[in-house]
Amino acid sequence: MQNLIQQFVIYLKAERNYSQHTADSYRRDLSDFANFLKDDDGMLPNIEDVDYLIIRSYLADLQQRQLARATVIRRLSSIRSFFKYLCRRGYIGIDPTSSLSSPKASRKLPEFLEISEIEALLSAPDQSTIVGLRDRAILELLYSTGMRVSELLTLDLPDIDRINAIVKVRGKGKKERIIPIGGPAMSALSEYLKRRDEMLNGESTQAIFLSERGNRIPDAKSIRRRIDVYAKLAGIKKNISPHTLRHTFATHLVNAGADLRTVQEMLGHTNLTTTQIYTHVNADRLKKVYEKAHPRA
């Protein structure tokens, strides 16, 4: 079974163009399932013997472990994809997940910043330093475009069209999209790029956002740490992350009346239903205003 999992992960990257991060997530989910299937001697059953009841038992085990509902749903989704792959490739004749129903995900409204909070956050970096200029440009670009932090970290110099103020983003599944850049974000980016070469330290790279070592910022963790610092400086009490700026971008657009399909396109969502969560955010905001202001609310 482990060999089949490895083949499946290779398939996800080579044929489905999934990112390493996404493929690793599938691998972890399926490895957990494989560990559940092992007998007392550590032996795995034949893949043909894994049936509907065994998978149901695994889901019950996940619930006994008190894992989050979203985690259970994701694990089942990974298992479904795996067995569909095995069916298509002829390793099994019947998909044991075909009659399984997925638990419904609880709808949690995304955290976002009010306009006053986002303005305070954007003003927090010290713009007298090259690191501060870089961080201001990062914050402005995340809020102005709504791109994922993983997409921001892969940006190269040719991806920015400074004349037309647009950016080419490589999203999930290596899909490209074009997003406009607002004036303040374009200005912050230009100020950083004037001094970007000071961070190179003899390195040669097309990466826009550089670490203090002169190479591409390696991962989202470092961006999150910087945002934590600036959130404290800005007096923001909410627990925010780079993704909060993406939520804030979308929420502010929807609140201002932006067309939902346009927001979907800029966010890079495959399905409109994913974007529709922001209409619920707007409805929640309107309800609070109504309850506060209307005498008979």
C-alpha atoms as a PDB file:
ATOM      1  CA  MET A   1       0.000   0.000   0.000  1.00  0.00           C
ATOM      2  CA  GLN A   2       2.866   2.373   0.766  1.00  0.00           C
ATOM      3  CA  ASN A   3       4.084   1.972  -2.819  1.00  0.00           C
ATOM      4  CA  LEU A   4       0.619   2.865  -4.097  1.00  0.00           C
ATOM      5  CA  ILE A   5       0.548   5.961  -1.903  1.00  0.00           C
ATOM      6  CA  GLN A   6       3.946   6.974  -3.278  1.00  0.00           C
ATOM      7  CA  GLN A   7       2.723   6.462  -6.867  1.00  0.00           C
ATOM      8  CA  PHE A   8      -0.381   8.532  -6.092  1.00  0.00           C
ATOM      9  CA  VAL A   9       1.675  11.411  -4.689  1.00  0.00           C
ATOM     10  CA  ILE A  10       3.923  11.372  -7.773  1.00  0.00           C
ATOM     11  CA  TYR A  11       0.785  11.423  -9.946  1.00  0.00           C
ATOM     12  CA  LEU A  12      -0.572  14.466  -8.066  1.00  0.00           C
ATOM     13  CA  LYS A  13       2.618  16.428  -8.708  1.00  0.00           C
ATOM     14  CA  ALA A  14       3.436  15.234 -12.227  1.00  0.00           C
ATOM     15  CA  GLU A  15      -0.014  14.993 -13.819  1.00  0.00           C
ATOM     16  CA  ARG A  16      -2.256  17.180 -11.665  1.00  0.00           C
ATOM     17  CA  ASN A  17       0.369  19.907 -11.124  1.00  0.00           C
ATOM     18  CA  TYR A  18      -0.243  19.943  -7.366  1.00  0.00           C
ATOM     19  CA  SER A  19       2.294  21.842  -5.289  1.00  0.00           C
ATOM     20  CA  GLN A  20       4.756  20.006  -3.049  1.00  0.00           C
ATOM     21  CA  HIS A  21       2.888  21.365  -0.026  1.00  0.00           C
ATOM     22  CA  THR A  22      -0.458  19.954  -1.230  1.00  0.00           C
ATOM     23  CA  ALA A  23       1.064  16.613  -2.233  1.00  0.00           C
ATOM     24  CA  ASP A  24       2.700  16.317   1.194  1.00  0.00           C
ATOM     25  CA  SER A  25      -0.682  16.955   2.812  1.00  0.00           C
ATOM     26  CA  TYR A  26      -2.172  14.024   0.869  1.00  0.00           C
ATOM     27  CA  ARG A  27       0.796  11.861   1.844  1.00  0.00           C
ATOM     28  CA  ARG A  28       0.340  12.640   5.551  1.00  0.00           C
ATOM     29  CA  ASP A  29      -3.394  11.931   5.418  1.00  0.00           C
ATOM     30  CA  LEU A  30      -2.918   8.607   3.652  1.00  0.00           C
ATOM     31  CA  SER A  31      -0.015   7.590   5.896  1.00  0.00           C
ATOM     32  CA  ASP A  32      -2.254   8.114   8.925  1.00  0.00           C
ATOM     33  CA  PHE A  33      -4.892   5.917   7.276  1.00  0.00           C
ATOM     34  CA  ALA A  34      -2.266   3.262   6.505  1.00  0.00           C
ATOM     35  CA  ASN A  35      -1.112   3.245  10.137  1.00  0.00           C
ATOM     36  CA  PHE A  36      -4.706   2.634  11.212  1.00  0.00           C
ATOM     37  CA  LEU A  37      -4.940  -0.352   8.847  1.00  0.00           C
ATOM     38  CA  LYS A  38      -1.856  -2.134  10.221  1.00  0.00           C
ATOM     39  CA  ASP A  39      -2.451  -5.272  12.270  1.00  0.00           C
ATOM     40  CA  ASP A  40      -0.692  -6.132  15.539  1.00  0.00           C
ATOM     41  CA  ASP A  41       2.366  -7.290  13.580  1.00  0.00           C
ATOM     42  CA  GLY A  42       2.537  -4.032  11.636  1.00  0.00           C
ATOM     43  CA  MET A  43       1.321  -5.669   8.427  1.00  0.00           C
ATOM     44  CA  LEU A  44      -0.963  -3.866   5.985  1.00  0.00           C
ATOM     45  CA  PRO A  45      -3.935  -5.610   4.329  1.00  0.00           C
ATOM     46  CA  ASN A  46      -4.209  -6.068   0.583  1.00  0.00           C
ATOM     47  CA  ILE A  47      -5.647  -2.912  -0.945  1.00  0.00           C
ATOM     48  CA  GLU A  48      -8.543  -4.957  -2.405  1.00  0.00           C
ATOM     49  CA  ASP A  49      -9.591  -5.918   1.143  1.00  0.00           C
ATOM     50  CA  VAL A  50     -10.079  -2.323   2.306  1.00  0.00           C
ATOM     51  CA  ASP A  51     -13.833  -1.867   2.215  1.00  0.00           C
ATOM     52  CA  TYR A  52     -16.541   0.596   3.167  1.00  0.00           C
ATOM     53  CA  LEU A  53     -16.772  -0.678   6.772  1.00  0.00           C
ATOM     54  CA  ILE A  54     -13.027  -0.350   7.376  1.00  0.00           C
ATOM     55  CA  ILE A  55     -13.065   3.255   6.182  1.00  0.00           C
ATOM     56  CA  ARG A  56     -16.106   3.941   8.401  1.00  0.00           C
ATOM     57  CA  SER A  57     -14.131   2.521  11.340  1.00  0.00           C
ATOM     58  CA  TYR A  58     -11.249   4.848  10.515  1.00  0.00           C
ATOM     59  CA  LEU A  59     -13.569   7.871  10.480  1.00  0.00           C
ATOM     60  CA  ALA A  60     -14.930   6.809  13.867  1.00  0.00           C
ATOM     61  CA  ASP A  61     -11.353   6.557  15.139  1.00  0.00           C
ATOM     62  CA  LEU A  62     -10.649  10.118  13.966  1.00  0.00           C
ATOM     63  CA  GLN A  63     -13.681  11.351  15.877  1.00  0.00           C
ATOM     64  CA  GLN A  64     -12.588   9.469  19.000  1.00  0.00           C
ATOM     65  CA  ARG A  65      -9.257  11.261  18.702  1.00  0.00           C
ATOM     66  CA  GLN A  66     -11.310  14.485  18.809  1.00  0.00           C
ATOM     67  CA  LEU A  67      -9.781  15.838  15.626  1.00  0.00           C
ATOM     68  CA  ALA A  68     -11.347  18.954  14.151  1.00  0.00           C
ATOM     69  CA  ARG A  69     -14.261  18.380  11.789  1.00  0.00           C
ATOM     70  CA  ALA A  70     -12.302  20.086   9.004  1.00  0.00           C
ATOM     71  CA  THR A  71      -9.441  17.611   9.520  1.00  0.00           C
ATOM     72  CA  VAL A  72     -11.815  14.631   9.320  1.00  0.00           C
ATOM     73  CA  ILE A  73     -13.346  16.019   6.121  1.00  0.00           C
ATOM     74  CA  ARG A  74      -9.904  16.568   4.588  1.00  0.00           C
ATOM     75  CA  ARG A  75      -8.720  13.053   5.509  1.00  0.00           C
ATOM     76  CA  LEU A  76     -11.810  11.516   3.911  1.00  0.00           C
ATOM     77  CA  SER A  77     -11.315  13.666   0.822  1.00  0.00           C
ATOM     78  CA  SER A  78      -7.723  12.411   0.514  1.00  0.00           C
ATOM     79  CA  ILE A  79      -8.884   8.803   0.860  1.00  0.00           C
ATOM     80  CA  ARG A  80     -11.600   9.331  -1.766  1.00  0.00           C
ATOM     81  CA  SER A  81      -9.095  10.767  -4.228  1.00  0.00           C
ATOM     82  CA  PHE A  82      -6.701   7.889  -3.557  1.00  0.00           C
ATOM     83  CA  PHE A  83      -9.278   5.161  -4.205  1.00  0.00           C
ATOM     84  CA  LYS A  84     -10.630   6.905  -7.308  1.00  0.00           C
ATOM     85  CA  TYR A  85      -7.054   6.934  -8.609  1.00  0.00           C
ATOM     86  CA  LEU A  86      -6.671   3.218  -7.817  1.00  0.00           C
ATOM     87  CA  CYS A  87      -9.913   2.448  -9.688  1.00  0.00           C
ATOM     88  CA  ARG A  88      -8.865   4.420 -12.759  1.00  0.00           C
ATOM     89  CA  ARG A  89      -5.485   2.676 -12.823  1.00  0.00           C
ATOM     90  CA  GLY A  90      -7.044  -0.770 -12.427  1.00  0.00           C
ATOM     91  CA  TYR A  91      -5.564  -1.622  -9.020  1.00  0.00           C
ATOM     92  CA  ILE A  92      -9.058  -2.238  -7.601  1.00  0.00           C
ATOM     93  CA  GLY A  93     -12.405  -2.976  -9.204  1.00  0.00           C
ATOM     94  CA  ILE A  94     -14.752  -1.182  -6.798  1.00  0.00           C
ATOM     95  CA  ASP A  95     -14.287   2.165  -5.054  1.00  0.00           C
ATOM     96  CA  PRO A  96     -15.107   1.559  -1.353  1.00  0.00           C
ATOM     97  CA  THR A  97     -15.643   5.291  -0.765  1.00  0.00           C
ATOM     98  CA  SER A  98     -18.390   5.687  -3.379  1.00  0.00           C
ATOM     99  CA  SER A  99     -21.217   5.157  -0.880  1.00  0.00           C
ATOM    100  CA  LEU A 100     -19.662   7.182   1.942  1.00  0.00           C
ATOM    101  CA  SER A 101     -21.212  10.530   2.803  1.00  0.00           C
ATOM    102  CA  SER A 102     -18.964  13.336   4.010  1.00  0.00           C
ATOM    103  CA  PRO A 103     -19.617  15.064   7.338  1.00  0.00           C
ATOM    104  CA  LYS A 104     -20.772  18.621   6.810  1.00  0.00           C
ATOM    105  CA  ALA A 105     -18.220  21.311   7.547  1.00  0.00           C
ATOM    106  CA  SER A 106     -19.200  23.960  10.053  1.00  0.00           C
ATOM    107  CA  ARG A 107     -19.178  27.349   8.360  1.00  0.00           C
ATOM    108  CA  LYS A 108     -16.754  29.633  10.143  1.00  0.00           C
ATOM    109  CA  LEU A 109     -16.675  33.219   8.999  1.00  0.00           C
ATOM    110  CA  PRO A 110     -13.128  34.360   8.209  1.00  0.00           C
ATOM    111  CA  GLU A 111     -11.394  36.872  10.453  1.00  0.00           C
ATOM    112  CA  PHE A 112     -10.742  40.206   8.775  1.00  0.00           C
ATOM    113  CA  LEU A 113      -9.510  43.665   9.709  1.00  0.00           C
ATOM    114  CA  GLU A 114     -11.540  46.839   9.785  1.00  0.00           C
ATOM    115  CA  ILE A 115     -10.263  49.686   7.605  1.00  0.00           C
ATOM    116  CA  SER A 116      -8.778  51.505  10.616  1.00  0.00           C
ATOM    117  CA  GLU A 117      -6.961  48.323  11.664  1.00  0.00           C
ATOM    118  CA  ILE A 118      -5.513  47.606   8.231  1.00  0.00           C
ATOM    119  CA  GLU A 119      -4.325  51.204   7.944  1.00  0.00           C
ATOM    120  CA  ALA A 120      -2.592  50.935  11.326  1.00  0.00           C
ATOM    121  CA  LEU A 121      -0.961  47.654  10.295  1.00  0.00           C
ATOM    122  CA  LEU A 122       0.283  49.043   6.977  1.00  0.00           C
ATOM    123  CA  SER A 123       1.813  52.033   8.767  1.00  0.00           C
ATOM    124  CA  ALA A 124       3.672  49.930  11.355  1.00  0.00           C
ATOM    125  CA  PRO A 125       6.930  49.061   9.484  1.00  0.00           C
ATOM    126  CA  ASP A 126       9.867  51.467   9.912  1.00  0.00           C
ATOM    127  CA  GLN A 127      10.314  52.838   6.406  1.00  0.00           C
ATOM    128  CA  SER A 128      13.712  54.331   7.164  1.00  0.00           C
ATOM    129  CA  THR A 129      15.201  50.823   6.884  1.00  0.00           C
ATOM    130  CA  ILE A 130      15.378  48.463   3.909  1.00  0.00           C
ATOM    131  CA  VAL A 131      13.689  45.707   5.948  1.00  0.00           C
ATOM    132  CA  GLY A 132      10.886  48.096   6.845  1.00  0.00           C
ATOM    133  CA  LEU A 133      10.445  49.081   3.198  1.00  0.00           C
ATOM    134  CA  ARG A 134      10.321  45.424   2.211  1.00  0.00           C
ATOM    135  CA  ASP A 135       7.789  44.592   4.902  1.00  0.00           C
ATOM    136  CA  ARG A 136       5.600  47.578   4.035  1.00  0.00           C
ATOM    137  CA  ALA A 137       5.610  46.447   0.389  1.00  0.00           C
ATOM    138  CA  ILE A 138       4.687  42.896   1.426  1.00  0.00           C
ATOM    139  CA  LEU A 139       1.782  44.050   3.592  1.00  0.00           C
ATOM    140  CA  GLU A 140       0.517  46.492   0.968  1.00  0.00           C
ATOM    141  CA  LEU A 141       0.712  43.904  -1.803  1.00  0.00           C
ATOM    142  CA  LEU A 142      -1.067  41.201   0.216  1.00  0.00           C
ATOM    143  CA  TYR A 143      -3.908  43.581   1.048  1.00  0.00           C
ATOM    144  CA  SER A 144      -4.066  45.255  -2.370  1.00  0.00           C
ATOM    145  CA  THR A 145      -4.184  42.023  -4.399  1.00  0.00           C
ATOM    146  CA  GLY A 146      -5.544  39.363  -2.040  1.00  0.00           C
ATOM    147  CA  MET A 147      -2.908  36.902  -3.235  1.00  0.00           C
ATOM    148  CA  ARG A 148      -1.863  33.999  -1.044  1.00  0.00           C
ATOM    149  CA  VAL A 149       1.414  34.434   0.816  1.00  0.00           C
ATOM    150  CA  SER A 150       2.736  31.347  -1.021  1.00  0.00           C
ATOM    151  CA  GLU A 151       2.031  33.157  -4.291  1.00  0.00           C
ATOM    152  CA  LEU A 152       3.727  36.330  -3.081  1.00  0.00           C
ATOM    153  CA  LEU A 153       6.892  34.434  -2.163  1.00  0.00           C
ATOM    154  CA  THR A 154       7.232  33.031  -5.700  1.00  0.00           C
ATOM    155  CA  LEU A 155       7.024  36.454  -7.368  1.00  0.00           C
ATOM    156  CA  ASP A 156       9.940  37.401  -9.620  1.00  0.00           C
ATOM    157  CA  LEU A 157      10.842  40.839 -10.945  1.00  0.00           C
ATOM    158  CA  PRO A 158       9.315  40.237 -14.426  1.00  0.00           C
ATOM    159  CA  ASP A 159       5.959  39.387 -12.798  1.00  0.00           C
ATOM    160  CA  ILE A 160       5.360  43.049 -11.957  1.00  0.00           C
ATOM    161  CA  ASP A 161       4.171  45.343 -14.747  1.00  0.00           C
ATOM    162  CA  ARG A 162       4.987  48.691 -13.172  1.00  0.00           C
ATOM    163  CA  ILE A 163       3.621  50.716 -16.090  1.00  0.00           C
ATOM    164  CA  ASN A 164       0.160  49.136 -15.989  1.00  0.00           C
ATOM    165  CA  ALA A 165       0.252  48.406 -12.233  1.00  0.00           C
ATOM    166  CA  ILE A 166      -0.591  44.713 -12.514  1.00  0.00           C
ATOM    167  CA  VAL A 167       0.990  41.529 -11.201  1.00  0.00           C
ATOM    168  CA  LYS A 168       1.096  38.042 -12.725  1.00  0.00           C
ATOM    169  CA  VAL A 169       0.447  35.438 -10.053  1.00  0.00           C
ATOM    170  CA  ARG A 170       1.098  31.697 -10.256  1.00  0.00           C
ATOM    171  CA  GLY A 171      -1.574  30.043  -8.150  1.00  0.00           C
ATOM    172  CA  LYS A 172      -2.642  26.527  -7.226  1.00  0.00           C
ATOM    173  CA  GLY A 173      -2.191  23.974  -9.984  1.00  0.00           C
ATOM    174  CA  LYS A 174       0.273  26.396 -11.641  1.00  0.00           C
ATOM    175  CA  LYS A 175      -2.659  28.459 -12.914  1.00  0.00           C
ATOM    176  CA  GLU A 176      -1.724  32.044 -13.745  1.00  0.00           C
ATOM    177  CA  ARG A 177      -3.909  35.076 -13.186  1.00  0.00           C
ATOM    178  CA  ILE A 178      -3.503  38.841 -13.453  1.00  0.00           C
ATOM    179  CA  ILE A 179      -4.407  41.131 -10.536  1.00  0.00           C
ATOM    180  CA  PRO A 180      -4.388  44.954 -10.462  1.00  0.00           C
ATOM    181  CA  ILE A 181      -2.159  46.657  -7.895  1.00  0.00           C
ATOM    182  CA  GLY A 182      -3.561  49.675  -6.058  1.00  0.00           C
ATOM    183  CA  GLY A 183      -1.741  53.007  -5.995  1.00  0.00           C
ATOM    184  CA  PRO A 184      -0.447  52.871  -2.382  1.00  0.00           C
ATOM    185  CA  ALA A 185       0.777  49.297  -2.868  1.00  0.00           C
ATOM    186  CA  MET A 186       2.490  50.200  -6.142  1.00  0.00           C
ATOM    187  CA  SER A 187       4.165  53.150  -4.437  1.00  0.00           C
ATOM    188  CA  ALA A 188       5.353  51.000  -1.508  1.00  0.00           C
ATOM    189  CA  LEU A 189       6.659  48.358  -3.905  1.00  0.00           C
ATOM    190  CA  SER A 190       8.522  50.955  -5.974  1.00  0.00           C
ATOM    191  CA  GLU A 191      10.181  52.407  -2.864  1.00  0.00           C
ATOM    192  CA  TYR A 192      11.346  48.953  -1.832  1.00  0.00           C
ATOM    193  CA  LEU A 193      12.594  48.031  -5.314  1.00  0.00           C
ATOM    194  CA  LYS A 194      14.755  51.179  -5.396  1.00  0.00           C
ATOM    195  CA  ARG A 195      16.783  49.693  -2.541  1.00  0.00           C
ATOM    196  CA  ARG A 196      16.196  45.969  -3.071  1.00  0.00           C
ATOM    197  CA  ASP A 197      19.723  45.369  -4.348  1.00  0.00           C
ATOM    198  CA  GLU A 198      21.080  46.391  -0.936  1.00  0.00           C
ATOM    199  CA  MET A 199      19.781  43.046   0.364  1.00  0.00           C
ATOM    200  CA  LEU A 200      21.446  40.870  -2.288  1.00  0.00           C
ATOM    201  CA  ASN A 201      24.739  40.333  -0.416  1.00  0.00           C
ATOM    202  CA  GLY A 202      26.445  39.269  -3.627  1.00  0.00           C
ATOM    203  CA  GLU A 203      23.637  36.877  -4.550  1.00  0.00           C
ATOM    204  CA  SER A 204      21.924  36.867  -7.941  1.00  0.00           C
ATOM    205  CA  THR A 205      18.194  36.207  -7.966  1.00  0.00           C
ATOM    206  CA  GLN A 206      15.050  37.387  -9.713  1.00  0.00           C
ATOM    207  CA  ALA A 207      13.027  37.016  -6.502  1.00  0.00           C
ATOM    208  CA  ILE A 208      11.282  40.234  -5.513  1.00  0.00           C
ATOM    209  CA  PHE A 209      11.181  39.708  -1.764  1.00  0.00           C
ATOM    210  CA  LEU A 210      14.542  38.878  -0.233  1.00  0.00           C
ATOM    211  CA  SER A 211      15.585  37.709   3.199  1.00  0.00           C
ATOM    212  CA  GLU A 212      18.361  39.390   5.157  1.00  0.00           C
ATOM    213  CA  ARG A 213      20.692  36.736   3.681  1.00  0.00           C
ATOM    214  CA  GLY A 214      20.032  37.995   0.178  1.00  0.00           C
ATOM    215  CA  ASN A 215      17.996  35.070  -1.153  1.00  0.00           C
ATOM    216  CA  ARG A 216      14.274  34.490  -1.638  1.00  0.00           C
ATOM    217  CA  ILE A 217      12.253  34.506   1.587  1.00  0.00           C
ATOM    218  CA  PRO A 218      11.897  30.744   2.132  1.00  0.00           C
ATOM    219  CA  ASP A 219       8.452  30.270   3.651  1.00  0.00           C
ATOM    220  CA  ALA A 220       5.322  31.841   5.073  1.00  0.00           C
ATOM    221  CA  LYS A 221       6.448  31.388   8.678  1.00  0.00           C
ATOM    222  CA  SER A 222       8.852  34.310   8.483  1.00  0.00           C
ATOM    223  CA  ILE A 223       6.104  36.518   7.026  1.00  0.00           C
ATOM    224  CA  ARG A 224       3.748  35.490   9.800  1.00  0.00           C
ATOM    225  CA  ARG A 225       6.323  36.374  12.443  1.00  0.00           C
ATOM    226  CA  ARG A 226       6.755  39.826  10.906  1.00  0.00           C
ATOM    227  CA  ILE A 227       2.989  40.346  10.805  1.00  0.00           C
ATOM    228  CA  ASP A 228       2.750  39.362  14.489  1.00  0.00           C
ATOM    229  CA  VAL A 229       5.284  42.067  15.322  1.00  0.00           C
ATOM    230  CA  TYR A 230       3.487  44.736  13.305  1.00  0.00           C
ATOM    231  CA  ALA A 231       0.067  43.750  14.659  1.00  0.00           C
ATOM    232  CA  LYS A 232       1.340  44.363  18.190  1.00  0.00           C
ATOM    233  CA  LEU A 233       2.857  47.689  17.162  1.00  0.00           C
ATOM    234  CA  ALA A 234      -0.472  48.655  15.580  1.00  0.00           C
ATOM    235  CA  GLY A 235      -2.394  47.703  18.724  1.00  0.00           C
ATOM    236  CA  ILE A 236      -4.407  44.993  16.950  1.00  0.00           C
ATOM    237  CA  LYS A 237      -5.805  42.458  19.426  1.00  0.00           C
ATOM    238  CA  LYS A 238      -7.008  39.945  16.834  1.00  0.00           C
ATOM    239  CA  ASN A 239      -4.986  36.833  16.068  1.00  0.00           C
ATOM    240  CA  ILE A 240      -4.034  37.541  12.464  1.00  0.00           C
ATOM    241  CA  SER A 241      -1.944  35.840   9.795  1.00  0.00           C
ATOM    242  CA  PRO A 242      -0.957  36.560   6.179  1.00  0.00           C
ATOM    243  CA  HIS A 243      -4.245  34.915   5.155  1.00  0.00           C
ATOM    244  CA  THR A 244      -6.128  37.504   7.224  1.00  0.00           C
ATOM    245  CA  LEU A 245      -5.021  40.134   4.695  1.00  0.00           C
ATOM    246  CA  ARG A 246      -6.477  37.988   1.903  1.00  0.00           C
ATOM    247  CA  HIS A 247      -9.767  37.759   3.801  1.00  0.00           C
ATOM    248  CA  THR A 248      -9.669  41.502   4.443  1.00  0.00           C
ATOM    249  CA  PHE A 249      -9.085  42.242   0.754  1.00  0.00           C
ATOM    250  CA  ALA A 250     -12.101  40.149  -0.281  1.00  0.00           C
ATOM    251  CA  THR A 251     -14.364  41.365   2.518  1.00  0.00           C
ATOM    252  CA  HIS A 252     -13.686  45.038   1.802  1.00  0.00           C
ATOM    253  CA  LEU A 253     -14.355  44.520  -1.914  1.00  0.00           C
ATOM    254  CA  VAL A 254     -17.649  42.707  -1.301  1.00  0.00           C
ATOM    255  CA  ASN A 255     -18.720  45.266   1.306  1.00  0.00           C
ATOM    256  CA  ALA A 256     -18.132  48.006  -1.277  1.00  0.00           C
ATOM    257  CA  GLY A 257     -20.350  46.227  -3.803  1.00  0.00           C
ATOM    258  CA  ALA A 258     -17.763  44.464  -5.967  1.00  0.00           C
ATOM    259  CA  ASP A 259     -19.068  41.778  -8.324  1.00  0.00           C
ATOM    260  CA  LEU A 260     -18.582  38.373  -6.722  1.00  0.00           C
ATOM    261  CA  ARG A 261     -17.240  36.735  -9.887  1.00  0.00           C
ATOM    262  CA  THR A 262     -14.611  39.452 -10.221  1.00  0.00           C
ATOM    263  CA  VAL A 263     -13.535  38.830  -6.629  1.00  0.00           C
ATOM    264  CA  GLN A 264     -13.472  35.092  -7.387  1.00  0.00           C
ATOM    265  CA  GLU A 265     -11.182  35.682 -10.357  1.00  0.00           C
ATOM    266  CA  MET A 266      -8.782  37.866  -8.370  1.00  0.00           C
ATOM    267  CA  LEU A 267      -8.643  35.372  -5.491  1.00  0.00           C
ATOM    268  CA  GLY A 268      -8.048  32.483  -7.880  1.00  0.00           C
ATOM    269  CA  HIS A 269     -10.954  30.434  -6.515  1.00  0.00           C
ATOM    270  CA  THR A 270     -12.023  27.569  -8.764  1.00  0.00           C
ATOM    271  CA  ASN A 271     -15.575  27.553  -7.415  1.00  0.00           C
ATOM    272  CA  LEU A 272     -17.793  30.561  -6.771  1.00  0.00           C
ATOM    273  CA  THR A 273     -19.137  28.867  -3.641  1.00  0.00           C
ATOM    274  CA  THR A 274     -15.733  29.362  -2.017  1.00  0.00           C
ATOM    275  CA  THR A 275     -15.949  33.099  -2.645  1.00  0.00           C
ATOM    276  CA  GLN A 276     -19.540  33.310  -1.411  1.00  0.00           C
ATOM    277  CA  ILE A 277     -18.362  33.068   2.207  1.00  0.00           C
ATOM    278  CA  TYR A 278     -17.635  36.798   1.940  1.00  0.00           C
ATOM    279  CA  THR A 279     -21.300  37.551   1.277  1.00  0.00           C
ATOM    280  CA  HIS A 280     -22.009  35.946   4.644  1.00  0.00           C
ATOM    281  CA  VAL A 281     -19.394  38.204   6.229  1.00  0.00           C
ATOM    282  CA  ASN A 282     -21.158  41.199   4.700  1.00  0.00           C
ATOM    283  CA  ALA A 283     -24.574  39.953   5.866  1.00  0.00           C
ATOM    284  CA  ASP A 284     -23.211  39.438   9.370  1.00  0.00           C
ATOM    285  CA  ARG A 285     -21.846  42.993   9.400  1.00  0.00           C
ATOM    286  CA  LEU A 286     -25.166  44.432   8.190  1.00  0.00           C
ATOM    287  CA  LYS A 287     -27.061  42.487  10.843  1.00  0.00           C
ATOM    288  CA  LYS A 288     -24.861  43.903  13.600  1.00  0.00           C
ATOM    289  CA  VAL A 289     -25.366  47.443  12.292  1.00  0.00           C
ATOM    290  CA  TYR A 290     -29.119  46.852  12.114  1.00  0.00           C
ATOM    291  CA  GLU A 291     -29.329  45.458  15.643  1.00  0.00           C
ATOM    292  CA  LYS A 292     -27.339  48.383  16.980  1.00  0.00           C
ATOM    293  CA  ALA A 293     -29.173  51.129  15.102  1.00  0.00           C
ATOM    294  CA  HIS A 294     -32.776  50.047  14.599  1.00  0.00           C
ATOM    295  CA  PRO A 295     -35.136  50.882  17.502  1.00  0.00           C
ATOM    296  CA  ARG A 296     -37.162  47.696  16.993  1.00  0.00           C
ATOM    297  CA  ALA A 297     -34.364  45.322  16.057  1.00  0.00           C
END
